[in-house]
C-alpha atoms as a PDB file:
ATOM      1  CA  MET A   1     -82.440  40.549 -11.314  1.00  0.00           C
ATOM      2  CA  ALA A   2     -79.537  40.354  -9.155  1.00  0.00           C
ATOM      3  CA  GLY A   3     -76.917  40.500 -11.951  1.00  0.00           C
ATOM      4  CA  VAL A   4     -78.448  43.694 -14.014  1.00  0.00           C
ATOM      5  CA  LEU A   5     -75.731  46.029 -13.441  1.00  0.00           C
ATOM      6  CA  ASP A   6     -73.229  43.307 -14.455  1.00  0.00           C
ATOM      7  CA  SER A   7     -72.662  45.036 -18.300  1.00  0.00           C
ATOM      8  CA  VAL A   8     -72.797  48.462 -17.219  1.00  0.00           C
ATOM      9  CA  ASN A   9     -69.476  48.500 -19.002  1.00  0.00           C
ATOM     10  CA  GLN A  10     -70.946  47.975 -22.176  1.00  0.00           C
ATOM     11  CA  ARG A  11     -74.150  49.816 -21.402  1.00  0.00           C
ATOM     12  CA  THR A  12     -71.896  53.196 -21.338  1.00  0.00           C
ATOM     13  CA  GLN A  13     -70.916  52.722 -24.916  1.00  0.00           C
ATOM     14  CA  LEU A  14     -74.693  54.116 -25.415  1.00  0.00           C
ATOM     15  CA  VAL A  15     -73.085  57.394 -24.284  1.00  0.00           C
ATOM     16  CA  GLY A  16     -73.689  60.092 -27.374  1.00  0.00           C
ATOM     17  CA  GLU A  17     -75.977  57.323 -29.226  1.00  0.00           C
ATOM     18  CA  ASN A  18     -79.164  58.773 -28.387  1.00  0.00           C
ATOM     19  CA  ARG A  19     -79.895  55.523 -26.605  1.00  0.00           C
ATOM     20  CA  LEU A  20     -80.929  54.052 -23.480  1.00  0.00           C
ATOM     21  CA  GLU A  21     -82.017  50.758 -21.284  1.00  0.00           C
ATOM     22  CA  LEU A  22     -85.472  50.626 -19.533  1.00  0.00           C
ATOM     23  CA  LEU A  23     -85.632  48.026 -16.653  1.00  0.00           C
ATOM     24  CA  LEU A  24     -89.964  47.362 -16.787  1.00  0.00           C
ATOM     25  CA  PHE A  25     -91.476  46.680 -14.175  1.00  0.00           C
ATOM     26  CA  ARG A  26     -95.412  46.474 -12.787  1.00  0.00           C
ATOM     27  CA  VAL A  27     -96.394  48.253  -9.609  1.00  0.00           C
ATOM     28  CA  ASN A  28    -100.324  47.548  -9.028  1.00  0.00           C
ATOM     29  CA  GLY A  29    -101.859  46.127 -12.064  1.00  0.00           C
ATOM     30  CA  SER A  30    -100.952  45.179 -15.821  1.00  0.00           C
ATOM     31  CA  GLN A  31     -99.515  48.629 -16.383  1.00  0.00           C
ATOM     32  CA  LEU A  32     -96.023  48.445 -17.390  1.00  0.00           C
ATOM     33  CA  TYR A  33     -93.826  51.131 -16.058  1.00  0.00           C
ATOM     34  CA  GLY A  34     -89.896  51.861 -16.944  1.00  0.00           C
ATOM     35  CA  ILE A  35     -86.886  53.376 -15.163  1.00  0.00           C
ATOM     36  CA  ASN A  36     -83.311  53.770 -17.071  1.00  0.00           C
ATOM     37  CA  VAL A  37     -80.893  50.781 -15.898  1.00  0.00           C
ATOM     38  CA  PHE A  38     -78.301  53.613 -15.091  1.00  0.00           C
ATOM     39  CA  LYS A  39     -80.259  54.861 -12.115  1.00  0.00           C
ATOM     40  CA  VAL A  40     -80.383  50.771 -10.703  1.00  0.00           C
ATOM     41  CA  ARG A  41     -78.154  49.063  -8.622  1.00  0.00           C
ATOM     42  CA  GLU A  42     -79.593  45.786  -8.176  1.00  0.00           C
ATOM     43  CA  VAL A  43     -83.308  44.434  -7.529  1.00  0.00           C
ATOM     44  CA  LEU A  44     -83.840  42.552  -4.817  1.00  0.00           C
ATOM     45  CA  PRO A  45     -87.022  40.526  -3.305  1.00  0.00           C
ATOM     46  CA  CYS A  46     -88.529  42.491  -0.750  1.00  0.00           C
ATOM     47  CA  PRO A  47     -86.059  42.727   2.459  1.00  0.00           C
ATOM     48  CA  ARG A  48     -87.500  42.080   5.774  1.00  0.00           C
ATOM     49  CA  LEU A  49     -88.691  46.161   6.627  1.00  0.00           C
ATOM     50  CA  THR A  50     -87.969  47.779   9.919  1.00  0.00           C
ATOM     51  CA  ASN A  51     -90.926  50.640  10.849  1.00  0.00           C
ATOM     52  CA  ILE A  52     -90.149  54.049  11.300  1.00  0.00           C
ATOM     53  CA  PRO A  53     -92.454  55.983  13.877  1.00  0.00           C
ATOM     54  CA  LYS A  54     -93.628  59.342  12.492  1.00  0.00           C
ATOM     55  CA  SER A  55     -92.253  58.411   8.883  1.00  0.00           C
ATOM     56  CA  LYS A  56     -94.409  59.297   5.985  1.00  0.00           C
ATOM     57  CA  GLN A  57     -96.616  56.640   4.621  1.00  0.00           C
ATOM     58  CA  VAL A  58     -95.333  56.274   1.474  1.00  0.00           C
ATOM     59  CA  VAL A  59     -92.248  54.972   3.533  1.00  0.00           C
ATOM     60  CA  ARG A  60     -92.567  51.223   4.134  1.00  0.00           C
ATOM     61  CA  GLY A  61     -89.466  50.787   6.182  1.00  0.00           C
ATOM     62  CA  ILE A  62     -86.124  50.636   6.493  1.00  0.00           C
ATOM     63  CA  ALA A  63     -83.658  48.205   5.529  1.00  0.00           C
ATOM     64  CA  PRO A  64     -80.173  46.865   5.935  1.00  0.00           C
ATOM     65  CA  ILE A  65     -78.545  46.340   2.612  1.00  0.00           C
ATOM     66  CA  ARG A  66     -74.700  46.154   1.516  1.00  0.00           C
ATOM     67  CA  GLY A  67     -73.798  47.337   4.515  1.00  0.00           C
ATOM     68  CA  GLY A  68     -75.997  50.673   4.750  1.00  0.00           C
ATOM     69  CA  THR A  69     -79.632  51.309   5.910  1.00  0.00           C
ATOM     70  CA  ILE A  70     -81.789  52.624   3.035  1.00  0.00           C
ATOM     71  CA  SER A  71     -85.492  53.866   3.191  1.00  0.00           C
ATOM     72  CA  ILE A  72     -87.916  51.656   1.016  1.00  0.00           C
ATOM     73  CA  LEU A  73     -90.830  53.716  -0.597  1.00  0.00           C
ATOM     74  CA  ASP A  74     -94.134  52.039  -1.968  1.00  0.00           C
ATOM     75  CA  LEU A  75     -94.320  53.135  -5.592  1.00  0.00           C
ATOM     76  CA  SER A  76     -97.491  52.729  -5.934  1.00  0.00           C
ATOM     77  CA  LEU A  77     -98.588  55.147  -2.797  1.00  0.00           C
ATOM     78  CA  ALA A  78     -95.836  57.123  -4.035  1.00  0.00           C
ATOM     79  CA  THR A  79     -98.109  57.760  -7.257  1.00  0.00           C
ATOM     80  CA  GLY A  80    -101.523  58.485  -5.530  1.00  0.00           C
ATOM     81  CA  ASN A  81    -102.634  54.775  -5.369  1.00  0.00           C
ATOM     82  CA  SER A  82    -103.409  52.350  -3.057  1.00  0.00           C
ATOM     83  CA  PRO A  83    -100.534  50.686  -0.866  1.00  0.00           C
ATOM     84  CA  LEU A  84     -99.338  47.190  -2.030  1.00  0.00           C
ATOM     85  CA  ASP A  85    -100.141  44.518  -0.011  1.00  0.00           C
ATOM     86  CA  ASP A  86     -98.361  41.048   0.485  1.00  0.00           C
ATOM     87  CA  ILE A  87     -95.035  42.931   0.206  1.00  0.00           C
ATOM     88  CA  GLU A  88     -93.118  39.929   1.267  1.00  0.00           C
ATOM     89  CA  SER A  89     -93.457  38.856  -2.199  1.00  0.00           C
ATOM     90  CA  CYS A  90     -92.834  42.275  -3.713  1.00  0.00           C
ATOM     91  CA  PHE A  91     -89.679  43.391  -5.101  1.00  0.00           C
ATOM     92  CA  THR A  92     -87.304  46.224  -4.358  1.00  0.00           C
ATOM     93  CA  VAL A  93     -85.611  47.966  -7.259  1.00  0.00           C
ATOM     94  CA  ILE A  94     -82.592  49.840  -5.450  1.00  0.00           C
ATOM     95  CA  THR A  95     -81.605  53.492  -7.141  1.00  0.00           C
ATOM     96  CA  GLU A  96     -79.490  56.266  -7.013  1.00  0.00           C
ATOM     97  CA  TYR A  97     -80.789  59.738  -7.695  1.00  0.00           C
ATOM     98  CA  ASN A  98     -79.230  62.716  -6.695  1.00  0.00           C
ATOM     99  CA  GLY A  99     -76.115  61.383  -4.817  1.00  0.00           C
ATOM    100  CA  SER A 100     -78.974  59.202  -1.991  1.00  0.00           C
ATOM    101  CA  THR A 101     -79.748  55.847  -2.631  1.00  0.00           C
ATOM    102  CA  GLN A 102     -83.249  54.609  -1.933  1.00  0.00           C
ATOM    103  CA  GLY A 103     -85.563  50.881  -2.996  1.00  0.00           C
ATOM    104  CA  PHE A 104     -89.045  51.372  -4.607  1.00  0.00           C
ATOM    105  CA  LEU A 105     -91.254  48.630  -3.632  1.00  0.00           C
ATOM    106  CA  VAL A 106     -93.008  47.190  -6.936  1.00  0.00           C
ATOM    107  CA  ARG A 107     -95.314  44.486  -7.121  1.00  0.00           C
ATOM    108  CA  SER A 108     -92.846  42.360 -10.026  1.00  0.00           C
ATOM    109  CA  VAL A 109     -89.663  42.852 -12.438  1.00  0.00           C
ATOM    110  CA  GLU A 110     -90.035  42.307 -16.085  1.00  0.00           C
ATOM    111  CA  ARG A 111     -86.965  42.248 -18.104  1.00  0.00           C
ATOM    112  CA  ILE A 112     -84.305  45.212 -19.394  1.00  0.00           C
ATOM    113  CA  VAL A 113     -85.193  46.709 -22.842  1.00  0.00           C
ATOM    114  CA  ASN A 114     -82.902  49.339 -25.352  1.00  0.00           C
ATOM    115  CA  LEU A 115     -84.532  51.859 -27.205  1.00  0.00           C
ATOM    116  CA  ASN A 116     -83.750  54.956 -29.031  1.00  0.00           C
ATOM    117  CA  TRP A 117     -84.781  58.353 -26.854  1.00  0.00           C
ATOM    118  CA  ASN A 118     -86.403  59.377 -29.786  1.00  0.00           C
ATOM    119  CA  GLU A 119     -89.024  56.978 -29.228  1.00  0.00           C
ATOM    120  CA  VAL A 120     -89.630  58.051 -25.750  1.00  0.00           C
ATOM    121  CA  HIS A 121     -92.053  60.903 -25.757  1.00  0.00           C
ATOM    122  CA  PRO A 122     -93.269  63.544 -23.513  1.00  0.00           C
ATOM    123  CA  PRO A 123     -96.388  62.717 -21.473  1.00  0.00           C
ATOM    124  CA  PRO A 124     -99.872  63.254 -23.897  1.00  0.00           C
ATOM    125  CA  ARG A 125    -101.280  66.389 -23.604  1.00  0.00           C
ATOM    126  CA  GLY A 126    -104.434  66.208 -20.913  1.00  0.00           C
ATOM    127  CA  THR A 127    -102.530  64.268 -18.421  1.00  0.00           C
ATOM    128  CA  GLY A 128    -102.693  67.226 -16.046  1.00  0.00           C
ATOM    129  CA  HIS A 129     -99.832  69.085 -13.897  1.00  0.00           C
ATOM    130  CA  GLU A 130    -100.279  66.041 -10.924  1.00  0.00           C
ATOM    131  CA  HIS A 131     -99.468  63.475 -12.756  1.00  0.00           C
ATOM    132  CA  TYR A 132     -95.670  61.386 -12.076  1.00  0.00           C
ATOM    133  CA  LEU A 133     -94.625  60.932 -15.458  1.00  0.00           C
ATOM    134  CA  THR A 134     -91.723  62.267 -17.143  1.00  0.00           C
ATOM    135  CA  ALA A 135     -92.345  60.087 -20.852  1.00  0.00           C
ATOM    136  CA  VAL A 136     -94.078  57.438 -21.985  1.00  0.00           C
ATOM    137  CA  THR A 137     -93.189  55.040 -25.028  1.00  0.00           C
ATOM    138  CA  LYS A 138     -94.425  51.656 -26.851  1.00  0.00           C
ATOM    139  CA  VAL A 139     -92.620  48.280 -25.785  1.00  0.00           C
ATOM    140  CA  ASP A 140     -94.093  45.313 -28.112  1.00  0.00           C
ATOM    141  CA  ASN A 141     -96.934  47.598 -28.489  1.00  0.00           C
ATOM    142  CA  LYS A 142     -97.407  48.127 -24.758  1.00  0.00           C
ATOM    143  CA  LEU A 143     -97.392  51.515 -23.315  1.00  0.00           C
ATOM    144  CA  VAL A 144     -94.795  52.371 -20.716  1.00  0.00           C
ATOM    145  CA  GLU A 145     -94.682  54.829 -18.048  1.00  0.00           C
ATOM    146  CA  ILE A 146     -91.521  56.512 -17.001  1.00  0.00           C
ATOM    147  CA  ILE A 147     -91.960  57.917 -13.695  1.00  0.00           C
ATOM    148  CA  ASP A 148     -90.741  61.215 -12.647  1.00  0.00           C
ATOM    149  CA  VAL A 149     -88.637  59.687  -9.672  1.00  0.00           C
ATOM    150  CA  GLU A 150     -87.349  63.321  -8.688  1.00  0.00           C
ATOM    151  CA  LYS A 151     -90.740  64.528  -8.073  1.00  0.00           C
ATOM    152  CA  ILE A 152     -91.707  61.781  -5.778  1.00  0.00           C
ATOM    153  CA  LEU A 153     -88.133  61.863  -4.103  1.00  0.00           C
ATOM    154  CA  SER A 154     -89.455  65.907  -3.506  1.00  0.00           C
ATOM    155  CA  GLU A 155     -92.544  65.039  -2.442  1.00  0.00           C
ATOM    156  CA  VAL A 156     -90.938  62.575   0.025  1.00  0.00           C
ATOM    157  CA  ALA A 157     -87.749  64.489   1.439  1.00  0.00           C
ATOM    158  CA  PRO A 158     -88.125  68.320   0.151  1.00  0.00           C
ATOM    159  CA  ILE A 159     -84.550  69.660  -0.750  1.00  0.00           C
ATOM    160  CA  ASN A 160     -83.148  73.022  -0.080  1.00  0.00           C
ATOM    161  CA  GLU A 161     -83.299  75.560  -3.120  1.00  0.00           C
ATOM    162  CA  ASN A 162     -82.143  78.247  -1.484  1.00  0.00           C
ATOM    163  CA  ILE A 163     -78.494  79.426  -2.460  1.00  0.00           C
ATOM    164  CA  SER A 164     -76.117  80.581   0.798  1.00  0.00           C
ATOM    165  CA  GLU A 165     -75.803  84.067   1.954  1.00  0.00           C
ATOM    166  CA  GLY A 166     -72.751  85.616   0.189  1.00  0.00           C
ATOM    167  CA  VAL A 167     -72.716  83.427  -2.871  1.00  0.00           C
ATOM    168  CA  ILE A 168     -74.026  86.052  -4.519  1.00  0.00           C
ATOM    169  CA  THR A 169     -72.679  89.734  -4.540  1.00  0.00           C
ATOM    170  CA  GLU A 170     -73.854  92.735  -5.363  1.00  0.00           C
ATOM    171  CA  ASP A 171     -71.636  93.023  -8.269  1.00  0.00           C
ATOM    172  CA  VAL A 172     -72.753  89.825  -9.581  1.00  0.00           C
ATOM    173  CA  ALA A 173     -76.750  90.728  -9.243  1.00  0.00           C
ATOM    174  CA  LYS A 174     -75.858  94.014 -11.198  1.00  0.00           C
ATOM    175  CA  THR A 175     -74.158  92.183 -14.147  1.00  0.00           C
ATOM    176  CA  ALA A 176     -76.461  88.944 -13.934  1.00  0.00           C
ATOM    177  CA  ALA A 177     -79.655  91.401 -14.531  1.00  0.00           C
ATOM    178  CA  ASP A 178     -78.566  91.512 -18.579  1.00  0.00           C
ATOM    179  CA  LEU A 179     -77.803  87.967 -19.414  1.00  0.00           C
ATOM    180  CA  LYS A 180     -79.793  84.855 -19.778  1.00  0.00           C
ATOM    181  CA  VAL A 181     -79.232  80.987 -19.482  1.00  0.00           C
ATOM    182  CA  LEU A 182     -81.043  78.324 -21.511  1.00  0.00           C
ATOM    183  CA  VAL A 183     -82.208  75.380 -19.129  1.00  0.00           C
ATOM    184  CA  VAL A 184     -83.009  71.914 -20.277  1.00  0.00           C
ATOM    185  CA  ASP A 185     -84.960  69.485 -18.218  1.00  0.00           C
ATOM    186  CA  ASP A 186     -88.026  67.008 -19.005  1.00  0.00           C
ATOM    187  CA  SER A 187     -88.670  66.942 -15.117  1.00  0.00           C
ATOM    188  CA  LYS A 188     -91.264  69.417 -13.966  1.00  0.00           C
ATOM    189  CA  ILE A 189     -89.611  69.491 -10.776  1.00  0.00           C
ATOM    190  CA  ALA A 190     -85.861  69.580 -11.636  1.00  0.00           C
ATOM    191  CA  ARG A 191     -86.585  72.526 -14.275  1.00  0.00           C
ATOM    192  CA  LYS A 192     -88.550  74.598 -11.795  1.00  0.00           C
ATOM    193  CA  GLN A 193     -85.628  73.622  -9.121  1.00  0.00           C
ATOM    194  CA  VAL A 194     -82.853  74.994 -11.433  1.00  0.00           C
ATOM    195  CA  GLN A 195     -84.984  77.863 -12.604  1.00  0.00           C
ATOM    196  CA  ARG A 196     -85.495  79.173  -9.062  1.00  0.00           C
ATOM    197  CA  CYS A 197     -81.760  79.135  -8.452  1.00  0.00           C
ATOM    198  CA  VAL A 198     -80.487  80.878 -11.542  1.00  0.00           C
ATOM    199  CA  GLU A 199     -83.360  83.197 -11.118  1.00  0.00           C
ATOM    200  CA  GLN A 200     -81.862  83.906  -7.871  1.00  0.00           C
ATOM    201  CA  ILE A 201     -78.631  85.629  -9.082  1.00  0.00           C
ATOM    202  CA  GLY A 202     -80.433  87.728 -11.312  1.00  0.00           C
ATOM    203  CA  VAL A 203     -79.985  85.655 -14.810  1.00  0.00           C
ATOM    204  CA  GLN A 204     -83.231  85.507 -16.739  1.00  0.00           C
ATOM    205  CA  VAL A 205     -84.155  81.548 -17.584  1.00  0.00           C
ATOM    206  CA  THR A 206     -85.824  80.287 -21.056  1.00  0.00           C
ATOM    207  CA  ALA A 207     -86.852  76.373 -19.694  1.00  0.00           C
ATOM    208  CA  LEU A 208     -87.530  73.841 -22.541  1.00  0.00           C
ATOM    209  CA  ASN A 209     -88.752  70.248 -21.942  1.00  0.00           C
ATOM    210  CA  ASP A 210     -86.287  67.897 -23.405  1.00  0.00           C
ATOM    211  CA  GLY A 211     -83.216  68.032 -26.270  1.00  0.00           C
ATOM    212  CA  LEU A 212     -85.250  68.032 -29.290  1.00  0.00           C
ATOM    213  CA  GLU A 213     -87.176  71.027 -27.990  1.00  0.00           C
ATOM    214  CA  ALA A 214     -83.849  73.121 -27.105  1.00  0.00           C
ATOM    215  CA  TRP A 215     -81.969  71.862 -30.430  1.00  0.00           C
ATOM    216  CA  ASN A 216     -85.297  73.383 -32.311  1.00  0.00           C
ATOM    217  CA  HIS A 217     -85.436  76.617 -30.352  1.00  0.00           C
ATOM    218  CA  LEU A 218     -81.633  77.147 -31.150  1.00  0.00           C
ATOM    219  CA  THR A 219     -81.512  76.367 -34.868  1.00  0.00           C
ATOM    220  CA  GLN A 220     -84.724  78.881 -35.165  1.00  0.00           C
ATOM    221  CA  LEU A 221     -83.479  81.653 -33.552  1.00  0.00           C
ATOM    222  CA  GLN A 222     -79.816  81.584 -36.139  1.00  0.00           C
ATOM    223  CA  GLU A 223     -82.715  81.297 -38.615  1.00  0.00           C
ATOM    224  CA  GLN A 224     -83.891  84.619 -37.300  1.00  0.00           C
ATOM    225  CA  GLY A 225     -80.453  85.987 -37.243  1.00  0.00           C
ATOM    226  CA  ILE A 226     -80.100  86.023 -33.408  1.00  0.00           C
ATOM    227  CA  SER A 227     -77.028  84.236 -32.379  1.00  0.00           C
ATOM    228  CA  PRO A 228     -77.372  81.672 -29.515  1.00  0.00           C
ATOM    229  CA  LEU A 229     -74.057  82.619 -28.067  1.00  0.00           C
ATOM    230  CA  ASP A 230     -75.544  86.025 -27.977  1.00  0.00           C
ATOM    231  CA  GLU A 231     -78.510  85.366 -26.132  1.00  0.00           C
ATOM    232  CA  TYR A 232     -77.585  82.735 -23.844  1.00  0.00           C
ATOM    233  CA  ILE A 233     -74.202  82.668 -21.601  1.00  0.00           C
ATOM    234  CA  MET A 234     -74.767  79.084 -21.110  1.00  0.00           C
ATOM    235  CA  MET A 235     -77.199  75.935 -21.656  1.00  0.00           C
ATOM    236  CA  ILE A 236     -77.794  73.876 -18.269  1.00  0.00           C
ATOM    237  CA  SER A 237     -79.403  70.378 -19.690  1.00  0.00           C
ATOM    238  CA  ASP A 238     -80.467  67.020 -18.031  1.00  0.00           C
ATOM    239  CA  ILE A 239     -78.831  64.206 -19.412  1.00  0.00           C
ATOM    240  CA  GLU A 240     -82.045  61.744 -19.121  1.00  0.00           C
ATOM    241  CA  MET A 241     -85.004  63.071 -21.484  1.00  0.00           C
ATOM    242  CA  PRO A 242     -87.318  62.198 -24.314  1.00  0.00           C
ATOM    243  CA  GLU A 243     -86.903  62.663 -28.031  1.00  0.00           C
ATOM    244  CA  MET A 244     -83.244  63.873 -27.514  1.00  0.00           C
ATOM    245  CA  ASP A 245     -81.099  63.061 -24.487  1.00  0.00           C
ATOM    246  CA  GLY A 246     -78.493  65.732 -22.898  1.00  0.00           C
ATOM    247  CA  TYR A 247     -75.577  63.861 -24.719  1.00  0.00           C
ATOM    248  CA  THR A 248     -76.726  63.916 -28.108  1.00  0.00           C
ATOM    249  CA  LEU A 249     -78.059  67.604 -28.094  1.00  0.00           C
ATOM    250  CA  THR A 250     -74.527  68.262 -26.795  1.00  0.00           C
ATOM    251  CA  ALA A 251     -73.073  66.695 -29.386  1.00  0.00           C
ATOM    252  CA  GLU A 252     -75.116  68.316 -32.033  1.00  0.00           C
ATOM    253  CA  VAL A 253     -74.592  71.861 -30.545  1.00  0.00           C
ATOM    254  CA  ARG A 254     -70.367  70.986 -31.066  1.00  0.00           C
ATOM    255  CA  GLN A 255     -71.061  69.882 -34.496  1.00  0.00           C
ATOM    256  CA  HIS A 256     -72.972  73.207 -35.602  1.00  0.00           C
ATOM    257  CA  ALA A 257     -70.540  75.899 -37.061  1.00  0.00           C
ATOM    258  CA  SER A 258     -72.322  79.009 -35.726  1.00  0.00           C
ATOM    259  CA  PHE A 259     -72.703  78.149 -31.776  1.00  0.00           C
ATOM    260  CA  LYS A 260     -70.452  75.283 -31.120  1.00  0.00           C
ATOM    261  CA  ALA A 261     -68.657  77.519 -28.687  1.00  0.00           C
ATOM    262  CA  MET A 262     -71.706  77.111 -26.414  1.00  0.00           C
ATOM    263  CA  HIS A 263     -70.936  76.435 -22.967  1.00  0.00           C
ATOM    264  CA  ILE A 264     -72.896  73.308 -21.679  1.00  0.00           C
ATOM    265  CA  VAL A 265     -72.921  71.877 -18.236  1.00  0.00           C
ATOM    266  CA  LEU A 266     -74.704  68.739 -17.912  1.00  0.00           C
ATOM    267  CA  HIS A 267     -76.681  68.507 -15.181  1.00  0.00           C
ATOM    268  CA  SER A 268     -77.722  65.138 -13.863  1.00  0.00           C
ATOM    269  CA  SER A 269     -79.097  62.875 -11.295  1.00  0.00           C
ATOM    270  CA  LEU A 270     -77.035  60.134 -12.523  1.00  0.00           C
ATOM    271  CA  SER A 271     -74.553  60.890 -10.226  1.00  0.00           C
ATOM    272  CA  GLY A 272     -73.326  57.724  -8.852  1.00  0.00           C
ATOM    273  CA  VAL A 273     -72.963  55.782 -12.707  1.00  0.00           C
ATOM    274  CA  PHE A 274     -71.426  58.718 -14.940  1.00  0.00           C
ATOM    275  CA  ASN A 275     -68.194  60.834 -14.458  1.00  0.00           C
ATOM    276  CA  LYS A 276     -66.517  63.767 -16.123  1.00  0.00           C
ATOM    277  CA  ALA A 277     -65.129  61.320 -18.896  1.00  0.00           C
ATOM    278  CA  MET A 278     -68.283  60.493 -20.263  1.00  0.00           C
ATOM    279  CA  VAL A 279     -69.365  63.868 -20.508  1.00  0.00           C
ATOM    280  CA  GLU A 280     -66.213  65.032 -21.958  1.00  0.00           C
ATOM    281  CA  LYS A 281     -66.741  62.519 -24.820  1.00  0.00           C
ATOM    282  CA  VAL A 282     -69.170  64.668 -26.026  1.00  0.00           C
ATOM    283  CA  GLY A 283     -67.690  67.906 -25.573  1.00  0.00           C
ATOM    284  CA  ALA A 284     -69.439  69.281 -22.669  1.00  0.00           C
ATOM    285  CA  ASP A 285     -67.885  72.151 -20.473  1.00  0.00           C
ATOM    286  CA  ASP A 286     -69.173  70.888 -16.884  1.00  0.00           C
ATOM    287  CA  PHE A 287     -70.632  68.196 -15.482  1.00  0.00           C
ATOM    288  CA  LEU A 288     -72.663  68.614 -12.166  1.00  0.00           C
ATOM    289  CA  ALA A 289     -74.423  65.965 -10.001  1.00  0.00           C
ATOM    290  CA  LYS A 290     -77.940  67.480  -8.840  1.00  0.00           C
ATOM    291  CA  PHE A 291     -79.207  68.840  -6.965  1.00  0.00           C
ATOM    292  CA  HIS A 292     -76.829  71.275  -4.784  1.00  0.00           C
ATOM    293  CA  PRO A 293     -78.108  75.211  -5.128  1.00  0.00           C
ATOM    294  CA  ASP A 294     -74.885  76.685  -4.345  1.00  0.00           C
ATOM    295  CA  MET A 295     -72.921  74.573  -6.577  1.00  0.00           C
ATOM    296  CA  LEU A 296     -74.915  75.314  -9.868  1.00  0.00           C
ATOM    297  CA  ALA A 297     -75.118  79.215  -8.211  1.00  0.00           C
ATOM    298  CA  GLU A 298     -71.282  78.890  -8.389  1.00  0.00           C
ATOM    299  CA  LYS A 299     -71.362  77.543 -12.103  1.00  0.00           C
ATOM    300  CA  VAL A 300     -73.654  80.261 -13.359  1.00  0.00           C
ATOM    301  CA  ILE A 301     -71.486  82.947 -11.689  1.00  0.00           C
ATOM    302  CA  GLU A 302     -68.644  82.011 -13.090  1.00  0.00           C
ATOM    303  CA  ARG A 303     -70.023  82.474 -16.098  1.00  0.00           C
ATOM    304  CA  VAL A 304     -71.410  85.821 -15.343  1.00  0.00           C
ATOM    305  CA  HIS A 305     -67.960  87.124 -14.378  1.00  0.00           C
ATOM    306  CA  ALA A 306     -66.739  85.080 -17.906  1.00  0.00           C
ATOM    307  CA  VAL A 307     -69.324  87.137 -20.174  1.00  0.00           C
ATOM    308  CA  GLY A 308     -69.925  89.849 -18.097  1.00  0.00           C
ATOM    309  CA  ALA A 309     -65.849  91.271 -18.522  1.00  0.00           C
ATOM    310  CA  THR A 310     -66.842  91.275 -22.109  1.00  0.00           C
ATOM    311  CA  ILE A 311     -70.201  93.059 -22.131  1.00  0.00           C
ATOM    312  CA  PRO A 312     -69.237  97.208 -22.332  1.00  0.00           C
ATOM    313  CA  GLY A 313     -71.284  99.529 -20.440  1.00  0.00           C
ATOM    314  CA  LEU A 314     -72.138  97.102 -17.394  1.00  0.00           C
ATOM    315  CA  ASP A 315     -69.858  99.243 -14.950  1.00  0.00           C
ATOM    316  CA  GLU A 316     -70.723 102.763 -15.905  1.00  0.00           C
END
């Protein structure tokens, strides 16, 4: 598995095709789990770990890898299960999320599979609110659970969600109160982070779970005689989502005659792999790596200024 990223250049051709590749692995038992290959840097046998005093139990230690030192998290513990034993025989999946690198300890690594996002579905109803899944799919008639890594990382190392003082001016807050943003993200944690950030500015938020839900929402507005361009000043969308990914959602919007001019910011934890050229391929207006409240706020404030200036009566 050391060469898991050898064909990354080929995999970039998946952009805009509503496809993904999952690395399949097992944690503690027979259940199969998956993680998007684009978030995986490499897979290694468990390295020698050094314990860190007073660290959280889920952090089994740190290890020197490729010239840097990274934390190794027990994925079984992180999802509320018993810790992995005999870790010397385990594997470490080195990942990059939100600009940070970490390793996840797993029992075994299986293979890579190529799927269409419409084969990937939200977690079944009835799983509650405390689960660690963003989606599920089937491979060879076996259920594969896709873990909400952003939820795990938010519990291990919570990030600051507050916008710095001075970013939001009084004029911006006044204009923002009449405006609305559409937020699309399959991770409950990430969705709430974006929503809280945008609402701090004063903008109203409609938050949806995936690209297909967002697409249906936009087309239904249009059918009701409501222009999505009048309803929302922008859409902030994740890239990785079940049913329909952010790239495909963007491409669909750009092909719709009535609301193809919608301002779209793709907001993703895939910062280490994707760049603006890939985002421009599907016609997004901008790309922003997760999660930097001030940077996200600035993108929204730019739209508040741009749209607010065209709305009469705001300064009366």
